[in-house]
Amino acid sequence: MKSQKIIYWISTGLFAVWMLANAKAYLTSEEAKRLCVHFGFPDYFRVELAIAKILGTAALLLPVVRNNPKEWAYAGFFITVVSGFIAHLASGDSLISSSFALLALALLLTSYFTYHRLNQ
């Protein structure tokens, strides 16, 4: 059980840092703005994604009485990460540069499954 907790917190922590860094970049970085243009996203969507990533990260990290906020956060992040992978590929990015989204997906799924093992 202790190893499951360690795996859960490492995967969740790494994913949370990744999403918060991504959210910060979406709000402050010119390169992130250019990337969203490259994907064909409107500028307001970049801001919405940043806010959603901050709120979702909070839902993953903060203790909650009911699991619903965590489940919604996991679902939202799953959609976001898979959509990011598709956006990279659809906009002509290489499979190598697109695969970072798959790494994020692996962290997310590890966090999700270990969370459920710990809370059975």
PDB file of N, CA and C in Angstrom:
ATOM      1  N   MET A   1       0.819  -1.193   0.000  1.00  0.00           N
ATOM      2  CA  MET A   1       0.000   0.000   0.000  1.00  0.00           C
ATOM      3  C   MET A   1       0.869   1.266   0.000  1.00  0.00           C
ATOM      4  N   LYS A   2       1.987   1.213   0.711  1.00  0.00           N
ATOM      5  CA  LYS A   2       2.863   2.374   0.775  1.00  0.00           C
ATOM      6  C   LYS A   2       3.447   2.690  -0.599  1.00  0.00           C
ATOM      7  N   SER A   3       3.824   1.657  -1.345  1.00  0.00           N
ATOM      8  CA  SER A   3       4.379   1.896  -2.680  1.00  0.00           C
ATOM      9  C   SER A   3       3.327   2.500  -3.602  1.00  0.00           C
ATOM     10  N   GLN A   4       2.077   2.105  -3.438  1.00  0.00           N
ATOM     11  CA  GLN A   4       0.996   2.684  -4.247  1.00  0.00           C
ATOM     12  C   GLN A   4       0.834   4.177  -3.948  1.00  0.00           C
ATOM     13  N   LYS A   5       0.942   4.546  -2.677  1.00  0.00           N
ATOM     14  CA  LYS A   5       0.854   5.962  -2.304  1.00  0.00           C
ATOM     15  C   LYS A   5       1.999   6.760  -2.914  1.00  0.00           C
ATOM     16  N   ILE A   6       3.181   6.179  -2.892  1.00  0.00           N
ATOM     17  CA  ILE A   6       4.346   6.861  -3.465  1.00  0.00           C
ATOM     18  C   ILE A   6       4.150   7.048  -4.965  1.00  0.00           C
ATOM     19  N   ILE A   7       3.716   5.993  -5.653  1.00  0.00           N
ATOM     20  CA  ILE A   7       3.471   6.080  -7.093  1.00  0.00           C
ATOM     21  C   ILE A   7       2.383   7.115  -7.376  1.00  0.00           C
ATOM     22  N   TYR A   8       1.323   7.096  -6.567  1.00  0.00           N
ATOM     23  CA  TYR A   8       0.229   8.056  -6.754  1.00  0.00           C
ATOM     24  C   TYR A   8       0.745   9.488  -6.621  1.00  0.00           C
ATOM     25  N   TRP A   9       1.462   9.773  -5.548  1.00  0.00           N
ATOM     26  CA  TRP A   9       1.884  11.150  -5.311  1.00  0.00           C
ATOM     27  C   TRP A   9       2.955  11.617  -6.286  1.00  0.00           C
ATOM     28  N   ILE A  10       3.824  10.734  -6.714  1.00  0.00           N
ATOM     29  CA  ILE A  10       4.829  11.126  -7.706  1.00  0.00           C
ATOM     30  C   ILE A  10       4.153  11.422  -9.045  1.00  0.00           C
ATOM     31  N   SER A  11       3.294  10.517  -9.508  1.00  0.00           N
ATOM     32  CA  SER A  11       2.632  10.742 -10.796  1.00  0.00           C
ATOM     33  C   SER A  11       1.699  11.951 -10.740  1.00  0.00           C
ATOM     34  N   THR A  12       0.968  12.097  -9.666  1.00  0.00           N
ATOM     35  CA  THR A  12       0.056  13.227  -9.532  1.00  0.00           C
ATOM     36  C   THR A  12       0.834  14.531  -9.410  1.00  0.00           C
ATOM     37  N   GLY A  13       1.898  14.521  -8.632  1.00  0.00           N
ATOM     38  CA  GLY A  13       2.718  15.718  -8.465  1.00  0.00           C
ATOM     39  C   GLY A  13       3.375  16.153  -9.765  1.00  0.00           C
ATOM     40  N   LEU A  14       3.958  15.210 -10.486  1.00  0.00           N
ATOM     41  CA  LEU A  14       4.585  15.549 -11.769  1.00  0.00           C
ATOM     42  C   LEU A  14       3.553  16.075 -12.769  1.00  0.00           C
ATOM     43  N   PHE A  15       2.399  15.423 -12.821  1.00  0.00           N
ATOM     44  CA  PHE A  15       1.351  15.877 -13.732  1.00  0.00           C
ATOM     45  C   PHE A  15       0.861  17.272 -13.343  1.00  0.00           C
ATOM     46  N   ALA A  16       0.686  17.502 -12.050  1.00  0.00           N
ATOM     47  CA  ALA A  16       0.211  18.807 -11.572  1.00  0.00           C
ATOM     48  C   ALA A  16       1.208  19.911 -11.915  1.00  0.00           C
ATOM     49  N   VAL A  17       2.485  19.658 -11.688  1.00  0.00           N
ATOM     50  CA  VAL A  17       3.512  20.652 -12.029  1.00  0.00           C
ATOM     51  C   VAL A  17       3.483  20.932 -13.525  1.00  0.00           C
ATOM     52  N   TRP A  18       3.363  19.887 -14.323  1.00  0.00           N
ATOM     53  CA  TRP A  18       3.310  20.024 -15.778  1.00  0.00           C
ATOM     54  C   TRP A  18       2.128  20.893 -16.192  1.00  0.00           C
ATOM     55  N   MET A  19       0.947  20.619 -15.632  1.00  0.00           N
ATOM     56  CA  MET A  19      -0.254  21.375 -16.005  1.00  0.00           C
ATOM     57  C   MET A  19      -0.179  22.824 -15.522  1.00  0.00           C
ATOM     58  N   LEU A  20       0.363  23.049 -14.324  1.00  0.00           N
ATOM     59  CA  LEU A  20       0.489  24.422 -13.833  1.00  0.00           C
ATOM     60  C   LEU A  20       1.510  25.213 -14.650  1.00  0.00           C
ATOM     61  N   ALA A  21       2.606  24.569 -15.021  1.00  0.00           N
ATOM     62  CA  ALA A  21       3.594  25.240 -15.873  1.00  0.00           C
ATOM     63  C   ALA A  21       2.986  25.548 -17.236  1.00  0.00           C
ATOM     64  N   ASN A  22       2.199  24.628 -17.750  1.00  0.00           N
ATOM     65  CA  ASN A  22       1.523  24.837 -19.023  1.00  0.00           C
ATOM     66  C   ASN A  22       0.523  25.986 -18.919  1.00  0.00           C
ATOM     67  N   ALA A  23      -0.232  26.028 -17.839  1.00  0.00           N
ATOM     68  CA  ALA A  23      -1.200  27.110 -17.633  1.00  0.00           C
ATOM     69  C   ALA A  23      -0.487  28.456 -17.542  1.00  0.00           C
ATOM     70  N   LYS A  24       0.616  28.497 -16.802  1.00  0.00           N
ATOM     71  CA  LYS A  24       1.374  29.747 -16.694  1.00  0.00           C
ATOM     72  C   LYS A  24       1.870  30.191 -18.068  1.00  0.00           C
ATOM     73  N   ALA A  25       2.378  29.245 -18.841  1.00  0.00           N
ATOM     74  CA  ALA A  25       2.859  29.578 -20.189  1.00  0.00           C
ATOM     75  C   ALA A  25       1.717  30.093 -21.050  1.00  0.00           C
ATOM     76  N   TYR A  26       0.553  29.473 -20.962  1.00  0.00           N
ATOM     77  CA  TYR A  26      -0.600  29.930 -21.745  1.00  0.00           C
ATOM     78  C   TYR A  26      -0.959  31.371 -21.409  1.00  0.00           C
ATOM     79  N   LEU A  27      -0.731  31.776 -20.171  1.00  0.00           N
ATOM     80  CA  LEU A  27      -1.106  33.129 -19.752  1.00  0.00           C
ATOM     81  C   LEU A  27      -0.005  34.160 -19.974  1.00  0.00           C
ATOM     82  N   THR A  28       1.253  33.718 -20.058  1.00  0.00           N
ATOM     83  CA  THR A  28       2.356  34.691 -20.070  1.00  0.00           C
ATOM     84  C   THR A  28       3.317  34.586 -21.246  1.00  0.00           C
ATOM     85  N   SER A  29       3.343  33.464 -21.928  1.00  0.00           N
ATOM     86  CA  SER A  29       4.382  33.226 -22.926  1.00  0.00           C
ATOM     87  C   SER A  29       3.914  33.533 -24.345  1.00  0.00           C
ATOM     88  N   GLU A  30       4.722  34.288 -25.062  1.00  0.00           N
ATOM     89  CA  GLU A  30       4.426  34.565 -26.469  1.00  0.00           C
ATOM     90  C   GLU A  30       4.523  33.288 -27.298  1.00  0.00           C
ATOM     91  N   GLU A  31       5.444  32.412 -26.923  1.00  0.00           N
ATOM     92  CA  GLU A  31       5.581  31.147 -27.649  1.00  0.00           C
ATOM     93  C   GLU A  31       4.316  30.297 -27.515  1.00  0.00           C
ATOM     94  N   ALA A  32       3.741  30.262 -26.314  1.00  0.00           N
ATOM     95  CA  ALA A  32       2.503  29.513 -26.106  1.00  0.00           C
ATOM     96  C   ALA A  32       1.359  30.135 -26.907  1.00  0.00           C
ATOM     97  N   LYS A  33       1.330  31.464 -26.991  1.00  0.00           N
ATOM     98  CA  LYS A  33       0.313  32.131 -27.810  1.00  0.00           C
ATOM     99  C   LYS A  33       0.468  31.724 -29.272  1.00  0.00           C
ATOM    100  N   ARG A  34       1.714  31.698 -29.751  1.00  0.00           N
ATOM    101  CA  ARG A  34       1.966  31.290 -31.145  1.00  0.00           C
ATOM    102  C   ARG A  34       1.558  29.833 -31.374  1.00  0.00           C
ATOM    103  N   LEU A  35       1.799  28.986 -30.386  1.00  0.00           N
ATOM    104  CA  LEU A  35       1.422  27.580 -30.507  1.00  0.00           C
ATOM    105  C   LEU A  35      -0.092  27.441 -30.645  1.00  0.00           C
ATOM    106  N   CYS A  36      -0.834  28.204 -29.874  1.00  0.00           N
ATOM    107  CA  CYS A  36      -2.295  28.146 -29.970  1.00  0.00           C
ATOM    108  C   CYS A  36      -2.777  28.637 -31.333  1.00  0.00           C
ATOM    109  N   VAL A  37      -2.120  29.648 -31.863  1.00  0.00           N
ATOM    110  CA  VAL A  37      -2.437  30.120 -33.216  1.00  0.00           C
ATOM    111  C   VAL A  37      -2.112  29.019 -34.220  1.00  0.00           C
ATOM    112  N   HIS A  38      -0.981  28.359 -34.027  1.00  0.00           N
ATOM    113  CA  HIS A  38      -0.563  27.250 -34.884  1.00  0.00           C
ATOM    114  C   HIS A  38      -1.620  26.148 -34.913  1.00  0.00           C
ATOM    115  N   PHE A  39      -2.250  25.896 -33.765  1.00  0.00           N
ATOM    116  CA  PHE A  39      -3.302  24.886 -33.676  1.00  0.00           C
ATOM    117  C   PHE A  39      -4.626  25.375 -34.264  1.00  0.00           C
ATOM    118  N   GLY A  40      -4.732  26.692 -34.487  1.00  0.00           N
ATOM    119  CA  GLY A  40      -5.976  27.248 -34.983  1.00  0.00           C
ATOM    120  C   GLY A  40      -6.969  27.594 -33.887  1.00  0.00           C
ATOM    121  N   PHE A  41      -6.482  27.684 -32.644  1.00  0.00           N
ATOM    122  CA  PHE A  41      -7.355  28.017 -31.523  1.00  0.00           C
ATOM    123  C   PHE A  41      -7.547  29.528 -31.434  1.00  0.00           C
ATOM    124  N   PRO A  42      -8.743  29.981 -31.090  1.00  0.00           N
ATOM    125  CA  PRO A  42      -8.911  31.413 -30.825  1.00  0.00           C
ATOM    126  C   PRO A  42      -8.184  31.793 -29.533  1.00  0.00           C
ATOM    127  N   ASP A  43      -7.821  33.058 -29.405  1.00  0.00           N
ATOM    128  CA  ASP A  43      -7.011  33.492 -28.268  1.00  0.00           C
ATOM    129  C   ASP A  43      -7.725  33.282 -26.933  1.00  0.00           C
ATOM    130  N   TYR A  44      -9.048  33.469 -26.913  1.00  0.00           N
ATOM    131  CA  TYR A  44      -9.757  33.293 -25.640  1.00  0.00           C
ATOM    132  C   TYR A  44      -9.703  31.847 -25.163  1.00  0.00           C
ATOM    133  N   PHE A  45      -9.584  30.892 -26.085  1.00  0.00           N
ATOM    134  CA  PHE A  45      -9.534  29.482 -25.708  1.00  0.00           C
ATOM    135  C   PHE A  45      -8.254  29.168 -24.927  1.00  0.00           C
ATOM    136  N   ARG A  46      -7.176  29.826 -25.271  1.00  0.00           N
ATOM    137  CA  ARG A  46      -5.907  29.674 -24.556  1.00  0.00           C
ATOM    138  C   ARG A  46      -6.082  30.056 -23.092  1.00  0.00           C
ATOM    139  N   VAL A  47      -6.785  31.150 -22.846  1.00  0.00           N
ATOM    140  CA  VAL A  47      -7.024  31.609 -21.470  1.00  0.00           C
ATOM    141  C   VAL A  47      -7.958  30.631 -20.743  1.00  0.00           C
ATOM    142  N   GLU A  48      -8.992  30.163 -21.431  1.00  0.00           N
ATOM    143  CA  GLU A  48      -9.905  29.186 -20.829  1.00  0.00           C
ATOM    144  C   GLU A  48      -9.164  27.908 -20.433  1.00  0.00           C
ATOM    145  N   LEU A  49      -8.294  27.441 -21.323  1.00  0.00           N
ATOM    146  CA  LEU A  49      -7.521  26.236 -21.006  1.00  0.00           C
ATOM    147  C   LEU A  49      -6.635  26.448 -19.786  1.00  0.00           C
ATOM    148  N   ALA A  50      -6.015  27.605 -19.699  1.00  0.00           N
ATOM    149  CA  ALA A  50      -5.148  27.895 -18.550  1.00  0.00           C
ATOM    150  C   ALA A  50      -5.952  27.876 -17.252  1.00  0.00           C
ATOM    151  N   ILE A  51      -7.089  28.515 -17.253  1.00  0.00           N
ATOM    152  CA  ILE A  51      -7.927  28.547 -16.039  1.00  0.00           C
ATOM    153  C   ILE A  51      -8.418  27.151 -15.688  1.00  0.00           C
ATOM    154  N   ALA A  52      -8.844  26.399 -16.699  1.00  0.00           N
ATOM    155  CA  ALA A  52      -9.316  25.033 -16.455  1.00  0.00           C
ATOM    156  C   ALA A  52      -8.200  24.153 -15.897  1.00  0.00           C
ATOM    157  N   LYS A  53      -6.982  24.330 -16.387  1.00  0.00           N
ATOM    158  CA  LYS A  53      -5.860  23.528 -15.889  1.00  0.00           C
ATOM    159  C   LYS A  53      -5.525  23.876 -14.444  1.00  0.00           C
ATOM    160  N   ILE A  54      -5.642  25.137 -14.086  1.00  0.00           N
ATOM    161  CA  ILE A  54      -5.401  25.544 -12.693  1.00  0.00           C
ATOM    162  C   ILE A  54      -6.472  24.949 -11.777  1.00  0.00           C
ATOM    163  N   LEU A  55      -7.726  25.067 -12.177  1.00  0.00           N
ATOM    164  CA  LEU A  55      -8.818  24.518 -11.362  1.00  0.00           C
ATOM    165  C   LEU A  55      -8.749  22.992 -11.281  1.00  0.00           C
ATOM    166  N   GLY A  56      -8.427  22.342 -12.394  1.00  0.00           N
ATOM    167  CA  GLY A  56      -8.319  20.885 -12.400  1.00  0.00           C
ATOM    168  C   GLY A  56      -7.182  20.395 -11.529  1.00  0.00           C
ATOM    169  N   THR A  57      -6.071  21.109 -11.557  1.00  0.00           N
ATOM    170  CA  THR A  57      -4.936  20.743 -10.710  1.00  0.00           C
ATOM    171  C   THR A  57      -5.313  20.877  -9.236  1.00  0.00           C
ATOM    172  N   ALA A  58      -6.034  21.930  -8.911  1.00  0.00           N
ATOM    173  CA  ALA A  58      -6.487  22.093  -7.523  1.00  0.00           C
ATOM    174  C   ALA A  58      -7.385  20.932  -7.114  1.00  0.00           C
ATOM    175  N   ALA A  59      -8.276  20.520  -8.017  1.00  0.00           N
ATOM    176  CA  ALA A  59      -9.173  19.401  -7.710  1.00  0.00           C
ATOM    177  C   ALA A  59      -8.397  18.106  -7.490  1.00  0.00           C
ATOM    178  N   LEU A  60      -7.309  17.922  -8.217  1.00  0.00           N
ATOM    179  CA  LEU A  60      -6.510  16.705  -8.035  1.00  0.00           C
ATOM    180  C   LEU A  60      -5.718  16.710  -6.736  1.00  0.00           C
ATOM    181  N   LEU A  61      -5.234  17.887  -6.348  1.00  0.00           N
ATOM    182  CA  LEU A  61      -4.315  17.952  -5.206  1.00  0.00           C
ATOM    183  C   LEU A  61      -4.992  18.185  -3.861  1.00  0.00           C
ATOM    184  N   LEU A  62      -6.100  18.888  -3.861  1.00  0.00           N
ATOM    185  CA  LEU A  62      -6.743  19.219  -2.592  1.00  0.00           C
ATOM    186  C   LEU A  62      -7.593  18.060  -2.095  1.00  0.00           C
ATOM    187  N   PRO A  63      -7.602  17.844  -0.779  1.00  0.00           N
ATOM    188  CA  PRO A  63      -8.462  16.783  -0.246  1.00  0.00           C
ATOM    189  C   PRO A  63      -9.927  17.186  -0.383  1.00  0.00           C
ATOM    190  N   VAL A  64     -10.734  16.236  -0.823  1.00  0.00           N
ATOM    191  CA  VAL A  64     -12.163  16.498  -0.982  1.00  0.00           C
ATOM    192  C   VAL A  64     -12.949  15.426  -0.246  1.00  0.00           C
ATOM    193  N   VAL A  65     -14.126  15.809   0.210  1.00  0.00           N
ATOM    194  CA  VAL A  65     -14.976  14.865   0.931  1.00  0.00           C
ATOM    195  C   VAL A  65     -15.569  13.848  -0.043  1.00  0.00           C
ATOM    196  N   ARG A  66     -15.981  14.329  -1.190  1.00  0.00           N
ATOM    197  CA  ARG A  66     -16.548  13.447  -2.217  1.00  0.00           C
ATOM    198  C   ARG A  66     -15.564  13.375  -3.383  1.00  0.00           C
ATOM    199  N   ASN A  67     -15.602  12.283  -4.117  1.00  0.00           N
ATOM    200  CA  ASN A  67     -14.673  12.071  -5.218  1.00  0.00           C
ATOM    201  C   ASN A  67     -15.079  12.777  -6.504  1.00  0.00           C
ATOM    202  N   ASN A  68     -16.263  13.338  -6.576  1.00  0.00           N
ATOM    203  CA  ASN A  68     -16.739  13.917  -7.827  1.00  0.00           C
ATOM    204  C   ASN A  68     -15.798  14.957  -8.435  1.00  0.00           C
ATOM    205  N   PRO A  69     -15.274  15.916  -7.668  1.00  0.00           N
ATOM    206  CA  PRO A  69     -14.364  16.887  -8.296  1.00  0.00           C
ATOM    207  C   PRO A  69     -13.122  16.233  -8.904  1.00  0.00           C
ATOM    208  N   LYS A  70     -12.582  15.234  -8.239  1.00  0.00           N
ATOM    209  CA  LYS A  70     -11.417  14.545  -8.789  1.00  0.00           C
ATOM    210  C   LYS A  70     -11.785  13.806 -10.070  1.00  0.00           C
ATOM    211  N   GLU A  71     -12.921  13.135 -10.076  1.00  0.00           N
ATOM    212  CA  GLU A  71     -13.343  12.397 -11.272  1.00  0.00           C
ATOM    213  C   GLU A  71     -13.533  13.341 -12.453  1.00  0.00           C
ATOM    214  N   TRP A  72     -14.149  14.493 -12.205  1.00  0.00           N
ATOM    215  CA  TRP A  72     -14.326  15.475 -13.276  1.00  0.00           C
ATOM    216  C   TRP A  72     -12.981  16.011 -13.754  1.00  0.00           C
ATOM    217  N   ALA A  73     -12.073  16.233 -12.827  1.00  0.00           N
ATOM    218  CA  ALA A  73     -10.743  16.724 -13.199  1.00  0.00           C
ATOM    219  C   ALA A  73     -10.007  15.681 -14.038  1.00  0.00           C
ATOM    220  N   TYR A  74     -10.049  14.430 -13.616  1.00  0.00           N
ATOM    221  CA  TYR A  74      -9.398  13.381 -14.403  1.00  0.00           C
ATOM    222  C   TYR A  74     -10.005  13.301 -15.804  1.00  0.00           C
ATOM    223  N   ALA A  75     -11.322  13.355 -15.892  1.00  0.00           N
ATOM    224  CA  ALA A  75     -11.986  13.285 -17.205  1.00  0.00           C
ATOM    225  C   ALA A  75     -11.597  14.481 -18.075  1.00  0.00           C
ATOM    226  N   GLY A  76     -11.615  15.664 -17.490  1.00  0.00           N
ATOM    227  CA  GLY A  76     -11.251  16.865 -18.236  1.00  0.00           C
ATOM    228  C   GLY A  76      -9.814  16.841 -18.712  1.00  0.00           C
ATOM    229  N   PHE A  77      -8.920  16.399 -17.846  1.00  0.00           N
ATOM    230  CA  PHE A  77      -7.512  16.309 -18.241  1.00  0.00           C
ATOM    231  C   PHE A  77      -7.309  15.244 -19.319  1.00  0.00           C
ATOM    232  N   PHE A  78      -8.035  14.137 -19.221  1.00  0.00           N
ATOM    233  CA  PHE A  78      -7.926  13.102 -20.247  1.00  0.00           C
ATOM    234  C   PHE A  78      -8.304  13.682 -21.612  1.00  0.00           C
ATOM    235  N   ILE A  79      -9.417  14.373 -21.661  1.00  0.00           N
ATOM    236  CA  ILE A  79      -9.864  14.991 -22.920  1.00  0.00           C
ATOM    237  C   ILE A  79      -8.846  16.022 -23.399  1.00  0.00           C
ATOM    238  N   THR A  80      -8.341  16.836 -22.497  1.00  0.00           N
ATOM    239  CA  THR A  80      -7.378  17.880 -22.848  1.00  0.00           C
ATOM    240  C   THR A  80      -6.089  17.292 -23.412  1.00  0.00           C
ATOM    241  N   VAL A  81      -5.565  16.272 -22.763  1.00  0.00           N
ATOM    242  CA  VAL A  81      -4.293  15.695 -23.189  1.00  0.00           C
ATOM    243  C   VAL A  81      -4.450  14.967 -24.534  1.00  0.00           C
ATOM    244  N   VAL A  82      -5.512  14.184 -24.678  1.00  0.00           N
ATOM    245  CA  VAL A  82      -5.736  13.495 -25.951  1.00  0.00           C
ATOM    246  C   VAL A  82      -5.980  14.518 -27.062  1.00  0.00           C
ATOM    247  N   SER A  83      -6.747  15.552 -26.772  1.00  0.00           N
ATOM    248  CA  SER A  83      -6.996  16.604 -27.765  1.00  0.00           C
ATOM    249  C   SER A  83      -5.706  17.333 -28.136  1.00  0.00           C
ATOM    250  N   GLY A  84      -4.824  17.535 -27.162  1.00  0.00           N
ATOM    251  CA  GLY A  84      -3.540  18.166 -27.444  1.00  0.00           C
ATOM    252  C   GLY A  84      -2.694  17.317 -28.380  1.00  0.00           C
ATOM    253  N   PHE A  85      -2.704  16.011 -28.144  1.00  0.00           N
ATOM    254  CA  PHE A  85      -1.972  15.098 -29.029  1.00  0.00           C
ATOM    255  C   PHE A  85      -2.521  15.186 -30.455  1.00  0.00           C
ATOM    256  N   ILE A  86      -3.836  15.155 -30.581  1.00  0.00           N
ATOM    257  CA  ILE A  86      -4.466  15.235 -31.900  1.00  0.00           C
ATOM    258  C   ILE A  86      -4.180  16.591 -32.546  1.00  0.00           C
ATOM    259  N   ALA A  87      -4.236  17.671 -31.762  1.00  0.00           N
ATOM    260  CA  ALA A  87      -3.967  19.009 -32.305  1.00  0.00           C
ATOM    261  C   ALA A  87      -2.555  19.104 -32.856  1.00  0.00           C
ATOM    262  N   HIS A  88      -1.592  18.529 -32.146  1.00  0.00           N
ATOM    263  CA  HIS A  88      -0.211  18.532 -32.636  1.00  0.00           C
ATOM    264  C   HIS A  88      -0.115  17.804 -33.978  1.00  0.00           C
ATOM    265  N   LEU A  89      -0.677  16.615 -34.019  1.00  0.00           N
ATOM    266  CA  LEU A  89      -0.598  15.836 -35.256  1.00  0.00           C
ATOM    267  C   LEU A  89      -1.348  16.512 -36.403  1.00  0.00           C
ATOM    268  N   ALA A  90      -2.549  17.012 -36.115  1.00  0.00           N
ATOM    269  CA  ALA A  90      -3.377  17.622 -37.156  1.00  0.00           C
ATOM    270  C   ALA A  90      -2.772  18.910 -37.700  1.00  0.00           C
ATOM    271  N   SER A  91      -1.952  19.577 -36.892  1.00  0.00           N
ATOM    272  CA  SER A  91      -1.346  20.836 -37.354  1.00  0.00           C
ATOM    273  C   SER A  91       0.010  20.610 -38.008  1.00  0.00           C
ATOM    274  N   GLY A  92       0.383  19.344 -38.209  1.00  0.00           N
ATOM    275  CA  GLY A  92       1.604  19.034 -38.940  1.00  0.00           C
ATOM    276  C   GLY A  92       2.838  18.826 -38.090  1.00  0.00           C
ATOM    277  N   ASP A  93       2.695  18.812 -36.788  1.00  0.00           N
ATOM    278  CA  ASP A  93       3.856  18.556 -35.931  1.00  0.00           C
ATOM    279  C   ASP A  93       4.277  17.093 -36.047  1.00  0.00           C
ATOM    280  N   SER A  94       5.530  16.831 -35.786  1.00  0.00           N
ATOM    281  CA  SER A  94       6.047  15.462 -35.891  1.00  0.00           C
ATOM    282  C   SER A  94       5.472  14.595 -34.772  1.00  0.00           C
ATOM    283  N   LEU A  95       5.555  13.298 -34.993  1.00  0.00           N
ATOM    284  CA  LEU A  95       5.109  12.356 -33.972  1.00  0.00           C
ATOM    285  C   LEU A  95       5.956  12.488 -32.715  1.00  0.00           C
ATOM    286  N   ILE A  96       7.233  12.802 -32.868  1.00  0.00           N
ATOM    287  CA  ILE A  96       8.125  12.974 -31.716  1.00  0.00           C
ATOM    288  C   ILE A  96       7.668  14.147 -30.856  1.00  0.00           C
ATOM    289  N   SER A  97       7.423  15.313 -31.471  1.00  0.00           N
ATOM    290  CA  SER A  97       7.004  16.472 -30.670  1.00  0.00           C
ATOM    291  C   SER A  97       5.589  16.281 -30.127  1.00  0.00           C
ATOM    292  N   SER A  98       4.779  15.518 -30.824  1.00  0.00           N
ATOM    293  CA  SER A  98       3.413  15.249 -30.360  1.00  0.00           C
ATOM    294  C   SER A  98       3.393  14.260 -29.204  1.00  0.00           C
ATOM    295  N   SER A  99       4.425  13.447 -29.091  1.00  0.00           N
ATOM    296  CA  SER A  99       4.423  12.372 -28.100  1.00  0.00           C
ATOM    297  C   SER A  99       4.553  12.867 -26.662  1.00  0.00           C
ATOM    298  N   PHE A 100       4.920  14.132 -26.473  1.00  0.00           N
ATOM    299  CA  PHE A 100       4.956  14.662 -25.105  1.00  0.00           C
ATOM    300  C   PHE A 100       3.568  14.593 -24.469  1.00  0.00           C
ATOM    301  N   ALA A 101       2.536  14.751 -25.288  1.00  0.00           N
ATOM    302  CA  ALA A 101       1.174  14.624 -24.778  1.00  0.00           C
ATOM    303  C   ALA A 101       0.911  13.198 -24.288  1.00  0.00           C
ATOM    304  N   LEU A 102       1.517  12.215 -24.938  1.00  0.00           N
ATOM    305  CA  LEU A 102       1.342  10.830 -24.502  1.00  0.00           C
ATOM    306  C   LEU A 102       2.049  10.573 -23.175  1.00  0.00           C
ATOM    307  N   LEU A 103       3.159  11.254 -22.952  1.00  0.00           N
ATOM    308  CA  LEU A 103       3.836  11.155 -21.657  1.00  0.00           C
ATOM    309  C   LEU A 103       2.943  11.736 -20.556  1.00  0.00           C
ATOM    310  N   ALA A 104       2.327  12.877 -20.840  1.00  0.00           N
ATOM    311  CA  ALA A 104       1.387  13.464 -19.878  1.00  0.00           C
ATOM    312  C   ALA A 104       0.220  12.511 -19.631  1.00  0.00           C
ATOM    313  N   LEU A 105      -0.254  11.862 -20.688  1.00  0.00           N
ATOM    314  CA  LEU A 105      -1.346  10.896 -20.546  1.00  0.00           C
ATOM    315  C   LEU A 105      -0.929   9.723 -19.665  1.00  0.00           C
ATOM    316  N   ALA A 106       0.293   9.249 -19.820  1.00  0.00           N
ATOM    317  CA  ALA A 106       0.785   8.151 -18.984  1.00  0.00           C
ATOM    318  C   ALA A 106       0.823   8.554 -17.507  1.00  0.00           C
ATOM    319  N   LEU A 107       1.285   9.764 -17.228  1.00  0.00           N
ATOM    320  CA  LEU A 107       1.280  10.245 -15.836  1.00  0.00           C
ATOM    321  C   LEU A 107      -0.139  10.349 -15.300  1.00  0.00           C
ATOM    322  N   LEU A 108      -1.038  10.888 -16.125  1.00  0.00           N
ATOM    323  CA  LEU A 108      -2.431  11.045 -15.705  1.00  0.00           C
ATOM    324  C   LEU A 108      -3.070   9.693 -15.412  1.00  0.00           C
ATOM    325  N   LEU A 109      -2.886   8.741 -16.299  1.00  0.00           N
ATOM    326  CA  LEU A 109      -3.490   7.417 -16.091  1.00  0.00           C
ATOM    327  C   LEU A 109      -2.881   6.702 -14.888  1.00  0.00           C
ATOM    328  N   THR A 110      -1.598   6.861 -14.672  1.00  0.00           N
ATOM    329  CA  THR A 110      -0.961   6.277 -13.487  1.00  0.00           C
ATOM    330  C   THR A 110      -1.565   6.875 -12.225  1.00  0.00           C
ATOM    331  N   SER A 111      -1.722   8.194 -12.211  1.00  0.00           N
ATOM    332  CA  SER A 111      -2.338   8.860 -11.067  1.00  0.00           C
ATOM    333  C   SER A 111      -3.764   8.352 -10.852  1.00  0.00           C
ATOM    334  N   TYR A 112      -4.525   8.275 -11.922  1.00  0.00           N
ATOM    335  CA  TYR A 112      -5.933   7.868 -11.836  1.00  0.00           C
ATOM    336  C   TYR A 112      -6.075   6.449 -11.284  1.00  0.00           C
ATOM    337  N   PHE A 113      -5.341   5.514 -11.860  1.00  0.00           N
ATOM    338  CA  PHE A 113      -5.497   4.123 -11.439  1.00  0.00           C
ATOM    339  C   PHE A 113      -4.957   3.870 -10.035  1.00  0.00           C
ATOM    340  N   THR A 114      -3.861   4.529  -9.668  1.00  0.00           N
ATOM    341  CA  THR A 114      -3.373   4.346  -8.298  1.00  0.00           C
ATOM    342  C   THR A 114      -4.301   5.031  -7.297  1.00  0.00           C
ATOM    343  N   TYR A 115      -4.900   6.154  -7.679  1.00  0.00           N
ATOM    344  CA  TYR A 115      -5.880   6.810  -6.806  1.00  0.00           C
ATOM    345  C   TYR A 115      -7.028   5.851  -6.493  1.00  0.00           C
ATOM    346  N   HIS A 116      -7.517   5.177  -7.529  1.00  0.00           N
ATOM    347  CA  HIS A 116      -8.631   4.260  -7.318  1.00  0.00           C
ATOM    348  C   HIS A 116      -8.229   2.996  -6.548  1.00  0.00           C
ATOM    349  N   ARG A 117      -7.000   2.544  -6.729  1.00  0.00           N
ATOM    350  CA  ARG A 117      -6.534   1.407  -5.931  1.00  0.00           C
ATOM    351  C   ARG A 117      -6.458   1.776  -4.446  1.00  0.00           C
ATOM    352  N   LEU A 118      -6.033   2.993  -4.184  1.00  0.00           N
ATOM    353  CA  LEU A 118      -5.901   3.437  -2.788  1.00  0.00           C
ATOM    354  C   LEU A 118      -7.241   3.711  -2.127  1.00  0.00           C
ATOM    355  N   ASN A 119      -8.264   3.988  -2.911  1.00  0.00           N
ATOM    356  CA  ASN A 119      -9.560   4.393  -2.353  1.00  0.00           C
ATOM    357  C   ASN A 119     -10.659   3.367  -2.613  1.00  0.00           C
ATOM    358  N   GLN A 120     -10.284   2.109  -2.693  1.00  0.00           N
ATOM    359  CA  GLN A 120     -11.290   1.062  -2.886  1.00  0.00           C
ATOM    360  C   GLN A 120     -11.995   0.740  -1.600  1.00  0.00           C
TER     361      GLN A 120
END
